[in-house]
Amino acid sequence: MSPVLASSRAGNFVRALLTILVMALLFREIYLLWFFHTPAWTSRPKEIRWCGSWYQRINDRDRTLTEARAIVGGSLVQVSRLPVWKPIVAYKPSDDCPSYIFGKVGDDDFTTYLISGD
């Protein structure tokens, strides 16, 4: 008999683990839709909240690291934004918010985000 269908202690344990897993995935999805305005299965959200501002994705081709550095005129500082698992790379020349940020979507592929006007 399957452990999920069993009425024993093992069956209860397996059902509890499955319930916790489903609830964790559901609440993660709700959080991502609320905070990042993106579903969990995409690595290219339409907008990202960063540094107290919203950044809109530019509908352009993905850029390489060299092209991203050329756009901002300097090096990029990598910042991990969990629970999205894809790092957001941002150039920060000072304490101010940068005008461009880049989402890493591959080994050397970055999608570009531009700060939106408030």
PDB file of N, CA and C in Angstrom:
ATOM      1  N   MET A   1       0.846  -1.179   0.000  1.00  0.00           N
ATOM      2  CA  MET A   1       0.000   0.000   0.000  1.00  0.00           C
ATOM      3  C   MET A   1       0.892   1.243   0.000  1.00  0.00           C
ATOM      4  N   SER A   2       0.430   2.246  -0.653  1.00  0.00           N
ATOM      5  CA  SER A   2       1.169   3.514  -0.731  1.00  0.00           C
ATOM      6  C   SER A   2       1.246   4.177   0.642  1.00  0.00           C
ATOM      7  N   PRO A   3       2.403   4.795   0.979  1.00  0.00           N
ATOM      8  CA  PRO A   3       2.506   5.476   2.280  1.00  0.00           C
ATOM      9  C   PRO A   3       1.536   6.642   2.411  1.00  0.00           C
ATOM     10  N   VAL A   4       1.128   7.233   1.296  1.00  0.00           N
ATOM     11  CA  VAL A   4       0.190   8.349   1.362  1.00  0.00           C
ATOM     12  C   VAL A   4      -1.201   7.868   1.756  1.00  0.00           C
ATOM     13  N   LEU A   5      -1.563   6.675   1.295  1.00  0.00           N
ATOM     14  CA  LEU A   5      -2.885   6.138   1.587  1.00  0.00           C
ATOM     15  C   LEU A   5      -2.936   5.357   2.897  1.00  0.00           C
ATOM     16  N   ALA A   6      -1.796   5.019   3.427  1.00  0.00           N
ATOM     17  CA  ALA A   6      -1.766   4.217   4.645  1.00  0.00           C
ATOM     18  C   ALA A   6      -2.334   5.000   5.821  1.00  0.00           C
ATOM     19  N   SER A   7      -3.013   4.295   6.701  1.00  0.00           N
ATOM     20  CA  SER A   7      -3.604   4.951   7.862  1.00  0.00           C
ATOM     21  C   SER A   7      -2.681   4.872   9.074  1.00  0.00           C
ATOM     22  N   SER A   8      -1.445   4.501   8.857  1.00  0.00           N
ATOM     23  CA  SER A   8      -0.496   4.363   9.957  1.00  0.00           C
ATOM     24  C   SER A   8       0.215   5.687  10.227  1.00  0.00           C
ATOM     25  N   ARG A   9       1.158   5.620  11.155  1.00  0.00           N
ATOM     26  CA  ARG A   9       1.944   6.795  11.518  1.00  0.00           C
ATOM     27  C   ARG A   9       2.767   7.295  10.323  1.00  0.00           C
ATOM     28  N   ALA A  10       3.284   6.376   9.512  1.00  0.00           N
ATOM     29  CA  ALA A  10       4.063   6.765   8.332  1.00  0.00           C
ATOM     30  C   ALA A  10       3.182   7.497   7.318  1.00  0.00           C
ATOM     31  N   GLY A  11       1.969   7.031   7.137  1.00  0.00           N
ATOM     32  CA  GLY A  11       1.053   7.699   6.215  1.00  0.00           C
ATOM     33  C   GLY A  11       0.709   9.101   6.666  1.00  0.00           C
ATOM     34  N   ASN A  12       0.465   9.261   7.959  1.00  0.00           N
ATOM     35  CA  ASN A  12       0.190  10.603   8.487  1.00  0.00           C
ATOM     36  C   ASN A  12       1.376  11.532   8.296  1.00  0.00           C
ATOM     37  N   PHE A  13       2.583  11.005   8.492  1.00  0.00           N
ATOM     38  CA  PHE A  13       3.787  11.809   8.345  1.00  0.00           C
ATOM     39  C   PHE A  13       3.973  12.255   6.895  1.00  0.00           C
ATOM     40  N   VAL A  14       3.786  11.343   5.953  1.00  0.00           N
ATOM     41  CA  VAL A  14       3.932  11.676   4.526  1.00  0.00           C
ATOM     42  C   VAL A  14       2.878  12.696   4.113  1.00  0.00           C
ATOM     43  N   ARG A  15       1.644  12.519   4.543  1.00  0.00           N
ATOM     44  CA  ARG A  15       0.594  13.498   4.213  1.00  0.00           C
ATOM     45  C   ARG A  15       0.898  14.864   4.813  1.00  0.00           C
ATOM     46  N   ALA A  16       1.427  14.896   6.019  1.00  0.00           N
ATOM     47  CA  ALA A  16       1.783  16.175   6.646  1.00  0.00           C
ATOM     48  C   ALA A  16       2.898  16.868   5.860  1.00  0.00           C
ATOM     49  N   LEU A  17       3.901  16.112   5.429  1.00  0.00           N
ATOM     50  CA  LEU A  17       4.982  16.703   4.630  1.00  0.00           C
ATOM     51  C   LEU A  17       4.467  17.248   3.298  1.00  0.00           C
ATOM     52  N   LEU A  18       3.591  16.491   2.654  1.00  0.00           N
ATOM     53  CA  LEU A  18       3.023  16.969   1.383  1.00  0.00           C
ATOM     54  C   LEU A  18       2.184  18.222   1.588  1.00  0.00           C
ATOM     55  N   THR A  19       1.432  18.272   2.656  1.00  0.00           N
ATOM     56  CA  THR A  19       0.622  19.458   2.960  1.00  0.00           C
ATOM     57  C   THR A  19       1.508  20.671   3.219  1.00  0.00           C
ATOM     58  N   ILE A  20       2.569  20.490   3.989  1.00  0.00           N
ATOM     59  CA  ILE A  20       3.493  21.595   4.259  1.00  0.00           C
ATOM     60  C   ILE A  20       4.155  22.069   2.970  1.00  0.00           C
ATOM     61  N   LEU A  21       4.555  21.159   2.101  1.00  0.00           N
ATOM     62  CA  LEU A  21       5.177  21.521   0.828  1.00  0.00           C
ATOM     63  C   LEU A  21       4.221  22.330  -0.045  1.00  0.00           C
ATOM     64  N   VAL A  22       2.991  21.878  -0.157  1.00  0.00           N
ATOM     65  CA  VAL A  22       2.001  22.600  -0.971  1.00  0.00           C
ATOM     66  C   VAL A  22       1.735  23.986  -0.402  1.00  0.00           C
ATOM     67  N   MET A  23       1.623  24.087   0.912  1.00  0.00           N
ATOM     68  CA  MET A  23       1.382  25.390   1.531  1.00  0.00           C
ATOM     69  C   MET A  23       2.582  26.330   1.335  1.00  0.00           C
ATOM     70  N   ALA A  24       3.790  25.802   1.446  1.00  0.00           N
ATOM     71  CA  ALA A  24       4.989  26.632   1.255  1.00  0.00           C
ATOM     72  C   ALA A  24       5.055  27.152  -0.177  1.00  0.00           C
ATOM     73  N   LEU A  25       4.792  26.299  -1.152  1.00  0.00           N
ATOM     74  CA  LEU A  25       4.797  26.740  -2.544  1.00  0.00           C
ATOM     75  C   LEU A  25       3.699  27.762  -2.823  1.00  0.00           C
ATOM     76  N   LEU A  26       2.538  27.552  -2.248  1.00  0.00           N
ATOM     77  CA  LEU A  26       1.429  28.474  -2.449  1.00  0.00           C
ATOM     78  C   LEU A  26       1.736  29.847  -1.852  1.00  0.00           C
ATOM     79  N   PHE A  27       2.218  29.874  -0.618  1.00  0.00           N
ATOM     80  CA  PHE A  27       2.516  31.163   0.009  1.00  0.00           C
ATOM     81  C   PHE A  27       3.711  31.852  -0.635  1.00  0.00           C
ATOM     82  N   ARG A  28       4.683  31.091  -1.132  1.00  0.00           N
ATOM     83  CA  ARG A  28       5.798  31.691  -1.870  1.00  0.00           C
ATOM     84  C   ARG A  28       5.279  32.380  -3.128  1.00  0.00           C
ATOM     85  N   GLU A  29       4.387  31.710  -3.825  1.00  0.00           N
ATOM     86  CA  GLU A  29       3.816  32.287  -5.049  1.00  0.00           C
ATOM     87  C   GLU A  29       3.030  33.548  -4.743  1.00  0.00           C
ATOM     88  N   ILE A  30       2.246  33.527  -3.696  1.00  0.00           N
ATOM     89  CA  ILE A  30       1.472  34.719  -3.313  1.00  0.00           C
ATOM     90  C   ILE A  30       2.400  35.864  -2.959  1.00  0.00           C
ATOM     91  N   TYR A  31       3.478  35.576  -2.216  1.00  0.00           N
ATOM     92  CA  TYR A  31       4.439  36.618  -1.851  1.00  0.00           C
ATOM     93  C   TYR A  31       5.104  37.217  -3.083  1.00  0.00           C
ATOM     94  N   LEU A  32       5.528  36.371  -4.012  1.00  0.00           N
ATOM     95  CA  LEU A  32       6.188  36.885  -5.216  1.00  0.00           C
ATOM     96  C   LEU A  32       5.239  37.732  -6.055  1.00  0.00           C
ATOM     97  N   LEU A  33       4.002  37.313  -6.173  1.00  0.00           N
ATOM     98  CA  LEU A  33       3.042  38.107  -6.939  1.00  0.00           C
ATOM     99  C   LEU A  33       2.757  39.434  -6.253  1.00  0.00           C
ATOM    100  N   TRP A  34       2.753  39.456  -4.934  1.00  0.00           N
ATOM    101  CA  TRP A  34       2.465  40.685  -4.206  1.00  0.00           C
ATOM    102  C   TRP A  34       3.651  41.628  -4.215  1.00  0.00           C
ATOM    103  N   PHE A  35       4.862  41.125  -3.930  1.00  0.00           N
ATOM    104  CA  PHE A  35       6.015  42.011  -3.769  1.00  0.00           C
ATOM    105  C   PHE A  35       6.694  42.323  -5.092  1.00  0.00           C
ATOM    106  N   PHE A  36       6.948  41.309  -5.904  1.00  0.00           N
ATOM    107  CA  PHE A  36       7.687  41.509  -7.146  1.00  0.00           C
ATOM    108  C   PHE A  36       6.779  41.659  -8.359  1.00  0.00           C
ATOM    109  N   HIS A  37       5.489  41.458  -8.206  1.00  0.00           N
ATOM    110  CA  HIS A  37       4.541  41.516  -9.319  1.00  0.00           C
ATOM    111  C   HIS A  37       4.938  40.551 -10.425  1.00  0.00           C
ATOM    112  N   THR A  38       5.425  39.403 -10.050  1.00  0.00           N
ATOM    113  CA  THR A  38       5.824  38.410 -11.033  1.00  0.00           C
ATOM    114  C   THR A  38       5.519  37.019 -10.493  1.00  0.00           C
ATOM    115  N   PRO A  39       5.151  36.092 -11.353  1.00  0.00           N
ATOM    116  CA  PRO A  39       4.998  34.716 -10.899  1.00  0.00           C
ATOM    117  C   PRO A  39       6.362  34.090 -10.619  1.00  0.00           C
ATOM    118  N   ALA A  40       6.365  33.017  -9.862  1.00  0.00           N
ATOM    119  CA  ALA A  40       7.620  32.402  -9.429  1.00  0.00           C
ATOM    120  C   ALA A  40       8.362  31.722 -10.571  1.00  0.00           C
ATOM    121  N   TRP A  41       7.671  31.353 -11.633  1.00  0.00           N
ATOM    122  CA  TRP A  41       8.310  30.550 -12.665  1.00  0.00           C
ATOM    123  C   TRP A  41       9.057  31.381 -13.715  1.00  0.00           C
ATOM    124  N   THR A  42       9.059  32.685 -13.611  1.00  0.00           N
ATOM    125  CA  THR A  42       9.781  33.490 -14.584  1.00  0.00           C
ATOM    126  C   THR A  42      10.997  34.140 -13.949  1.00  0.00           C
ATOM    127  N   SER A  43      12.048  34.300 -14.724  1.00  0.00           N
ATOM    128  CA  SER A  43      13.239  34.985 -14.238  1.00  0.00           C
ATOM    129  C   SER A  43      13.322  36.400 -14.807  1.00  0.00           C
ATOM    130  N   ARG A  44      12.316  36.818 -15.575  1.00  0.00           N
ATOM    131  CA  ARG A  44      12.295  38.149 -16.162  1.00  0.00           C
ATOM    132  C   ARG A  44      11.001  38.864 -15.788  1.00  0.00           C
ATOM    133  N   PRO A  45      10.870  39.301 -14.538  1.00  0.00           N
ATOM    134  CA  PRO A  45       9.642  40.010 -14.165  1.00  0.00           C
ATOM    135  C   PRO A  45       9.537  41.333 -14.901  1.00  0.00           C
ATOM    136  N   LYS A  46       8.313  41.834 -15.081  1.00  0.00           N
ATOM    137  CA  LYS A  46       8.088  43.093 -15.793  1.00  0.00           C
ATOM    138  C   LYS A  46       8.581  44.291 -14.999  1.00  0.00           C
ATOM    139  N   GLU A  47       8.510  44.211 -13.690  1.00  0.00           N
ATOM    140  CA  GLU A  47       9.003  45.298 -12.852  1.00  0.00           C
ATOM    141  C   GLU A  47       9.606  44.717 -11.587  1.00  0.00           C
ATOM    142  N   ILE A  48      10.577  45.437 -11.046  1.00  0.00           N
ATOM    143  CA  ILE A  48      11.276  45.013  -9.838  1.00  0.00           C
ATOM    144  C   ILE A  48      11.311  46.187  -8.877  1.00  0.00           C
ATOM    145  N   ARG A  49      11.044  45.935  -7.616  1.00  0.00           N
ATOM    146  CA  ARG A  49      11.170  46.965  -6.599  1.00  0.00           C
ATOM    147  C   ARG A  49      12.572  46.886  -6.017  1.00  0.00           C
ATOM    148  N   TRP A  50      13.306  47.976  -6.112  1.00  0.00           N
ATOM    149  CA  TRP A  50      14.677  47.989  -5.640  1.00  0.00           C
ATOM    150  C   TRP A  50      15.009  49.389  -5.149  1.00  0.00           C
ATOM    151  N   CYS A  51      15.650  49.501  -4.015  1.00  0.00           N
ATOM    152  CA  CYS A  51      16.137  50.782  -3.494  1.00  0.00           C
ATOM    153  C   CYS A  51      14.982  51.764  -3.299  1.00  0.00           C
ATOM    154  N   GLY A  52      13.809  51.250  -2.941  1.00  0.00           N
ATOM    155  CA  GLY A  52      12.655  52.102  -2.691  1.00  0.00           C
ATOM    156  C   GLY A  52      11.964  52.602  -3.938  1.00  0.00           C
ATOM    157  N   SER A  53      12.372  52.145  -5.112  1.00  0.00           N
ATOM    158  CA  SER A  53      11.784  52.591  -6.380  1.00  0.00           C
ATOM    159  C   SER A  53      11.395  51.375  -7.215  1.00  0.00           C
ATOM    160  N   TRP A  54      10.603  51.621  -8.233  1.00  0.00           N
ATOM    161  CA  TRP A  54      10.212  50.563  -9.161  1.00  0.00           C
ATOM    162  C   TRP A  54      11.011  50.699 -10.449  1.00  0.00           C
ATOM    163  N   TYR A  55      11.469  49.583 -10.952  1.00  0.00           N
ATOM    164  CA  TYR A  55      12.217  49.523 -12.209  1.00  0.00           C
ATOM    165  C   TYR A  55      11.404  48.720 -13.217  1.00  0.00           C
ATOM    166  N   GLN A  56      11.260  49.256 -14.419  1.00  0.00           N
ATOM    167  CA  GLN A  56      10.526  48.584 -15.485  1.00  0.00           C
ATOM    168  C   GLN A  56      11.511  47.874 -16.408  1.00  0.00           C
ATOM    169  N   ARG A  57      11.153  46.665 -16.829  1.00  0.00           N
ATOM    170  CA  ARG A  57      12.001  45.932 -17.767  1.00  0.00           C
ATOM    171  C   ARG A  57      11.953  46.591 -19.136  1.00  0.00           C
ATOM    172  N   ILE A  58      13.107  46.753 -19.742  1.00  0.00           N
ATOM    173  CA  ILE A  58      13.192  47.287 -21.099  1.00  0.00           C
ATOM    174  C   ILE A  58      13.007  46.112 -22.047  1.00  0.00           C
ATOM    175  N   ASN A  59      12.071  46.220 -22.959  1.00  0.00           N
ATOM    176  CA  ASN A  59      11.824  45.145 -23.916  1.00  0.00           C
ATOM    177  C   ASN A  59      12.885  45.188 -25.006  1.00  0.00           C
ATOM    178  N   ASP A  60      14.045  44.724 -24.662  1.00  0.00           N
ATOM    179  CA  ASP A  60      15.198  44.718 -25.545  1.00  0.00           C
ATOM    180  C   ASP A  60      15.852  43.351 -25.403  1.00  0.00           C
ATOM    181  N   ARG A  61      16.813  43.083 -26.228  1.00  0.00           N
ATOM    182  CA  ARG A  61      17.517  41.804 -26.137  1.00  0.00           C
ATOM    183  C   ARG A  61      18.337  41.748 -24.849  1.00  0.00           C
ATOM    184  N   ASP A  62      18.683  40.541 -24.435  1.00  0.00           N
ATOM    185  CA  ASP A  62      19.545  40.390 -23.264  1.00  0.00           C
ATOM    186  C   ASP A  62      20.944  40.903 -23.591  1.00  0.00           C
ATOM    187  N   ARG A  63      21.608  41.426 -22.586  1.00  0.00           N
ATOM    188  CA  ARG A  63      22.940  41.991 -22.759  1.00  0.00           C
ATOM    189  C   ARG A  63      23.978  41.106 -22.083  1.00  0.00           C
ATOM    190  N   THR A  64      25.223  41.232 -22.526  1.00  0.00           N
ATOM    191  CA  THR A  64      26.320  40.533 -21.866  1.00  0.00           C
ATOM    192  C   THR A  64      26.825  41.398 -20.722  1.00  0.00           C
ATOM    193  N   LEU A  65      27.700  40.837 -19.909  1.00  0.00           N
ATOM    194  CA  LEU A  65      28.266  41.578 -18.786  1.00  0.00           C
ATOM    195  C   LEU A  65      29.065  42.779 -19.272  1.00  0.00           C
ATOM    196  N   THR A  66      29.787  42.630 -20.368  1.00  0.00           N
ATOM    197  CA  THR A  66      30.571  43.745 -20.920  1.00  0.00           C
ATOM    198  C   THR A  66      29.660  44.868 -21.383  1.00  0.00           C
ATOM    199  N   GLU A  67      28.553  44.539 -22.041  1.00  0.00           N
ATOM    200  CA  GLU A  67      27.604  45.563 -22.490  1.00  0.00           C
ATOM    201  C   GLU A  67      26.938  46.258 -21.308  1.00  0.00           C
ATOM    202  N   ALA A  68      26.609  45.496 -20.260  1.00  0.00           N
ATOM    203  CA  ALA A  68      25.989  46.094 -19.079  1.00  0.00           C
ATOM    204  C   ALA A  68      26.954  47.058 -18.398  1.00  0.00           C
ATOM    205  N   ARG A  69      28.228  46.685 -18.318  1.00  0.00           N
ATOM    206  CA  ARG A  69      29.224  47.593 -17.735  1.00  0.00           C
ATOM    207  C   ARG A  69      29.393  48.844 -18.586  1.00  0.00           C
ATOM    208  N   ALA A  70      29.298  48.709 -19.900  1.00  0.00           N
ATOM    209  CA  ALA A  70      29.426  49.875 -20.770  1.00  0.00           C
ATOM    210  C   ALA A  70      28.248  50.827 -20.597  1.00  0.00           C
ATOM    211  N   ILE A  71      27.056  50.293 -20.352  1.00  0.00           N
ATOM    212  CA  ILE A  71      25.863  51.141 -20.170  1.00  0.00           C
ATOM    213  C   ILE A  71      25.995  51.993 -18.916  1.00  0.00           C
ATOM    214  N   VAL A  72      26.439  51.386 -17.814  1.00  0.00           N
ATOM    215  CA  VAL A  72      26.489  52.119 -16.547  1.00  0.00           C
ATOM    216  C   VAL A  72      27.819  52.830 -16.341  1.00  0.00           C
ATOM    217  N   GLY A  73      28.814  52.506 -17.129  1.00  0.00           N
ATOM    218  CA  GLY A  73      30.087  53.201 -17.028  1.00  0.00           C
ATOM    219  C   GLY A  73      30.955  52.756 -15.870  1.00  0.00           C
ATOM    220  N   GLY A  74      30.807  51.544 -15.435  1.00  0.00           N
ATOM    221  CA  GLY A  74      31.625  51.053 -14.325  1.00  0.00           C
ATOM    222  C   GLY A  74      31.308  49.612 -14.007  1.00  0.00           C
ATOM    223  N   SER A  75      31.796  49.165 -12.868  1.00  0.00           N
ATOM    224  CA  SER A  75      31.579  47.777 -12.473  1.00  0.00           C
ATOM    225  C   SER A  75      30.176  47.589 -11.896  1.00  0.00           C
ATOM    226  N   LEU A  76      29.765  46.350 -11.811  1.00  0.00           N
ATOM    227  CA  LEU A  76      28.448  46.005 -11.288  1.00  0.00           C
ATOM    228  C   LEU A  76      28.605  45.346  -9.927  1.00  0.00           C
ATOM    229  N   VAL A  77      27.713  45.661  -9.028  1.00  0.00           N
ATOM    230  CA  VAL A  77      27.701  45.069  -7.698  1.00  0.00           C
ATOM    231  C   VAL A  77      26.549  44.078  -7.643  1.00  0.00           C
ATOM    232  N   GLN A  78      26.841  42.815  -7.316  1.00  0.00           N
ATOM    233  CA  GLN A  78      25.809  41.785  -7.299  1.00  0.00           C
ATOM    234  C   GLN A  78      25.113  41.749  -5.950  1.00  0.00           C
ATOM    235  N   VAL A  79      23.797  41.754  -6.002  1.00  0.00           N
ATOM    236  CA  VAL A  79      22.980  41.705  -4.796  1.00  0.00           C
ATOM    237  C   VAL A  79      21.977  40.580  -4.961  1.00  0.00           C
ATOM    238  N   SER A  80      21.932  39.664  -4.019  1.00  0.00           N
ATOM    239  CA  SER A  80      21.006  38.543  -4.087  1.00  0.00           C
ATOM    240  C   SER A  80      19.667  38.948  -3.498  1.00  0.00           C
ATOM    241  N   ARG A  81      18.584  38.665  -4.210  1.00  0.00           N
ATOM    242  CA  ARG A  81      17.236  39.007  -3.767  1.00  0.00           C
ATOM    243  C   ARG A  81      16.436  37.725  -3.624  1.00  0.00           C
ATOM    244  N   LEU A  82      16.435  37.126  -2.471  1.00  0.00           N
ATOM    245  CA  LEU A  82      15.638  35.933  -2.237  1.00  0.00           C
ATOM    246  C   LEU A  82      14.199  36.339  -1.986  1.00  0.00           C
ATOM    247  N   PRO A  83      13.220  35.537  -2.296  1.00  0.00           N
ATOM    248  CA  PRO A  83      13.304  34.151  -2.718  1.00  0.00           C
ATOM    249  C   PRO A  83      13.275  33.975  -4.219  1.00  0.00           C
ATOM    250  N   VAL A  84      13.720  34.919  -4.976  1.00  0.00           N
ATOM    251  CA  VAL A  84      13.671  34.806  -6.429  1.00  0.00           C
ATOM    252  C   VAL A  84      14.867  34.044  -6.970  1.00  0.00           C
ATOM    253  N   TRP A  85      15.820  33.591  -6.306  1.00  0.00           N
ATOM    254  CA  TRP A  85      16.885  32.704  -6.750  1.00  0.00           C
ATOM    255  C   TRP A  85      17.714  33.226  -7.892  1.00  0.00           C
ATOM    256  N   LYS A  86      17.308  34.240  -8.612  1.00  0.00           N
ATOM    257  CA  LYS A  86      18.126  34.839  -9.667  1.00  0.00           C
ATOM    258  C   LYS A  86      18.691  36.132  -9.111  1.00  0.00           C
ATOM    259  N   PRO A  87      20.003  36.304  -9.114  1.00  0.00           N
ATOM    260  CA  PRO A  87      20.560  37.521  -8.536  1.00  0.00           C
ATOM    261  C   PRO A  87      20.237  38.743  -9.371  1.00  0.00           C
ATOM    262  N   ILE A  88      20.081  39.863  -8.706  1.00  0.00           N
ATOM    263  CA  ILE A  88      19.912  41.139  -9.375  1.00  0.00           C
ATOM    264  C   ILE A  88      21.238  41.864  -9.267  1.00  0.00           C
ATOM    265  N   VAL A  89      21.780  42.279 -10.384  1.00  0.00           N
ATOM    266  CA  VAL A  89      23.070  42.930 -10.401  1.00  0.00           C
ATOM    267  C   VAL A  89      22.837  44.408 -10.620  1.00  0.00           C
ATOM    268  N   ALA A  90      23.336  45.238  -9.714  1.00  0.00           N
ATOM    269  CA  ALA A  90      23.071  46.665  -9.797  1.00  0.00           C
ATOM    270  C   ALA A  90      24.370  47.452  -9.712  1.00  0.00           C
ATOM    271  N   TYR A  91      24.455  48.504 -10.497  1.00  0.00           N
ATOM    272  CA  TYR A  91      25.587  49.411 -10.418  1.00  0.00           C
ATOM    273  C   TYR A  91      25.208  50.542  -9.486  1.00  0.00           C
ATOM    274  N   LYS A  92      25.993  50.754  -8.455  1.00  0.00           N
ATOM    275  CA  LYS A  92      25.693  51.794  -7.480  1.00  0.00           C
ATOM    276  C   LYS A  92      26.883  52.740  -7.385  1.00  0.00           C
ATOM    277  N   PRO A  93      26.816  53.878  -8.064  1.00  0.00           N
ATOM    278  CA  PRO A  93      27.942  54.809  -8.003  1.00  0.00           C
ATOM    279  C   PRO A  93      28.045  55.522  -6.659  1.00  0.00           C
ATOM    280  N   SER A  94      26.952  55.631  -5.928  1.00  0.00           N
ATOM    281  CA  SER A  94      26.957  56.296  -4.623  1.00  0.00           C
ATOM    282  C   SER A  94      25.795  55.728  -3.812  1.00  0.00           C
ATOM    283  N   ASP A  95      25.354  56.471  -2.814  1.00  0.00           N
ATOM    284  CA  ASP A  95      24.216  56.020  -2.012  1.00  0.00           C
ATOM    285  C   ASP A  95      22.892  56.156  -2.752  1.00  0.00           C
ATOM    286  N   ASP A  96      22.879  56.897  -3.838  1.00  0.00           N
ATOM    287  CA  ASP A  96      21.649  57.073  -4.605  1.00  0.00           C
ATOM    288  C   ASP A  96      21.276  55.778  -5.317  1.00  0.00           C
ATOM    289  N   CYS A  97      20.025  55.694  -5.722  1.00  0.00           N
ATOM    290  CA  CYS A  97      19.578  54.528  -6.484  1.00  0.00           C
ATOM    291  C   CYS A  97      20.107  54.635  -7.912  1.00  0.00           C
ATOM    292  N   PRO A  98      20.584  53.528  -8.469  1.00  0.00           N
ATOM    293  CA  PRO A  98      21.076  53.571  -9.845  1.00  0.00           C
ATOM    294  C   PRO A  98      19.919  53.721 -10.830  1.00  0.00           C
ATOM    295  N   SER A  99      20.218  54.254 -12.005  1.00  0.00           N
ATOM    296  CA  SER A  99      19.156  54.389 -13.006  1.00  0.00           C
ATOM    297  C   SER A  99      18.908  53.075 -13.733  1.00  0.00           C
ATOM    298  N   TYR A 100      19.907  52.222 -13.817  1.00  0.00           N
ATOM    299  CA  TYR A 100      19.768  50.913 -14.453  1.00  0.00           C
ATOM    300  C   TYR A 100      20.092  49.818 -13.445  1.00  0.00           C
ATOM    301  N   ILE A 101      19.358  48.718 -13.516  1.00  0.00           N
ATOM    302  CA  ILE A 101      19.750  47.493 -12.835  1.00  0.00           C
ATOM    303  C   ILE A 101      19.619  46.359 -13.845  1.00  0.00           C
ATOM    304  N   PHE A 102      20.286  45.259 -13.563  1.00  0.00           N
ATOM    305  CA  PHE A 102      20.330  44.150 -14.502  1.00  0.00           C
ATOM    306  C   PHE A 102      19.994  42.863 -13.773  1.00  0.00           C
ATOM    307  N   GLY A 103      19.078  42.097 -14.334  1.00  0.00           N
ATOM    308  CA  GLY A 103      18.730  40.794 -13.782  1.00  0.00           C
ATOM    309  C   GLY A 103      19.484  39.712 -14.526  1.00  0.00           C
ATOM    310  N   LYS A 104      20.211  38.891 -13.805  1.00  0.00           N
ATOM    311  CA  LYS A 104      20.994  37.826 -14.425  1.00  0.00           C
ATOM    312  C   LYS A 104      20.066  36.683 -14.798  1.00  0.00           C
ATOM    313  N   VAL A 105      20.019  36.335 -16.080  1.00  0.00           N
ATOM    314  CA  VAL A 105      19.118  35.286 -16.550  1.00  0.00           C
ATOM    315  C   VAL A 105      19.860  34.131 -17.212  1.00  0.00           C
ATOM    316  N   GLY A 106      21.169  34.193 -17.235  1.00  0.00           N
ATOM    317  CA  GLY A 106      21.983  33.129 -17.825  1.00  0.00           C
ATOM    318  C   GLY A 106      23.412  33.269 -17.347  1.00  0.00           C
ATOM    319  N   ASP A 107      24.309  32.494 -17.959  1.00  0.00           N
ATOM    320  CA  ASP A 107      25.714  32.581 -17.567  1.00  0.00           C
ATOM    321  C   ASP A 107      26.285  33.965 -17.845  1.00  0.00           C
ATOM    322  N   ASP A 108      26.008  34.502 -19.020  1.00  0.00           N
ATOM    323  CA  ASP A 108      26.487  35.841 -19.368  1.00  0.00           C
ATOM    324  C   ASP A 108      25.361  36.636 -20.027  1.00  0.00           C
ATOM    325  N   ASP A 109      24.138  36.440 -19.557  1.00  0.00           N
ATOM    326  CA  ASP A 109      22.975  37.144 -20.091  1.00  0.00           C
ATOM    327  C   ASP A 109      22.316  37.940 -18.975  1.00  0.00           C
ATOM    328  N   PHE A 110      22.060  39.210 -19.260  1.00  0.00           N
ATOM    329  CA  PHE A 110      21.436  40.105 -18.289  1.00  0.00           C
ATOM    330  C   PHE A 110      20.286  40.837 -18.967  1.00  0.00           C
ATOM    331  N   THR A 111      19.135  40.873 -18.314  1.00  0.00           N
ATOM    332  CA  THR A 111      18.024  41.666 -18.793  1.00  0.00           C
ATOM    333  C   THR A 111      18.101  43.030 -18.116  1.00  0.00           C
ATOM    334  N   THR A 112      17.717  44.072 -18.830  1.00  0.00           N
ATOM    335  CA  THR A 112      17.916  45.441 -18.378  1.00  0.00           C
ATOM    336  C   THR A 112      16.636  46.026 -17.817  1.00  0.00           C
ATOM    337  N   TYR A 113      16.755  46.736 -16.688  1.00  0.00           N
ATOM    338  CA  TYR A 113      15.646  47.440 -16.062  1.00  0.00           C
ATOM    339  C   TYR A 113      16.019  48.908 -15.912  1.00  0.00           C
ATOM    340  N   LEU A 114      15.060  49.780 -16.186  1.00  0.00           N
ATOM    341  CA  LEU A 114      15.251  51.222 -16.079  1.00  0.00           C
ATOM    342  C   LEU A 114      14.321  51.758 -15.008  1.00  0.00           C
ATOM    343  N   ILE A 115      14.807  52.688 -14.206  1.00  0.00           N
ATOM    344  CA  ILE A 115      13.984  53.237 -13.123  1.00  0.00           C
ATOM    345  C   ILE A 115      12.771  53.940 -13.723  1.00  0.00           C
ATOM    346  N   SER A 116      11.606  53.711 -13.138  1.00  0.00           N
ATOM    347  CA  SER A 116      10.381  54.314 -13.664  1.00  0.00           C
ATOM    348  C   SER A 116      10.126  55.626 -12.922  1.00  0.00           C
ATOM    349  N   GLY A 117       9.528  56.565 -13.619  1.00  0.00           N
ATOM    350  CA  GLY A 117       9.218  57.853 -13.018  1.00  0.00           C
ATOM    351  C   GLY A 117       8.073  57.739 -12.038  1.00  0.00           C
ATOM    352  N   ASP A 118       8.241  58.323 -10.857  1.00  0.00           N
ATOM    353  CA  ASP A 118       7.188  58.241  -9.845  1.00  0.00           C
ATOM    354  C   ASP A 118       6.154  59.315 -10.051  1.00  0.00           C
TER     355      ASP A 118
END
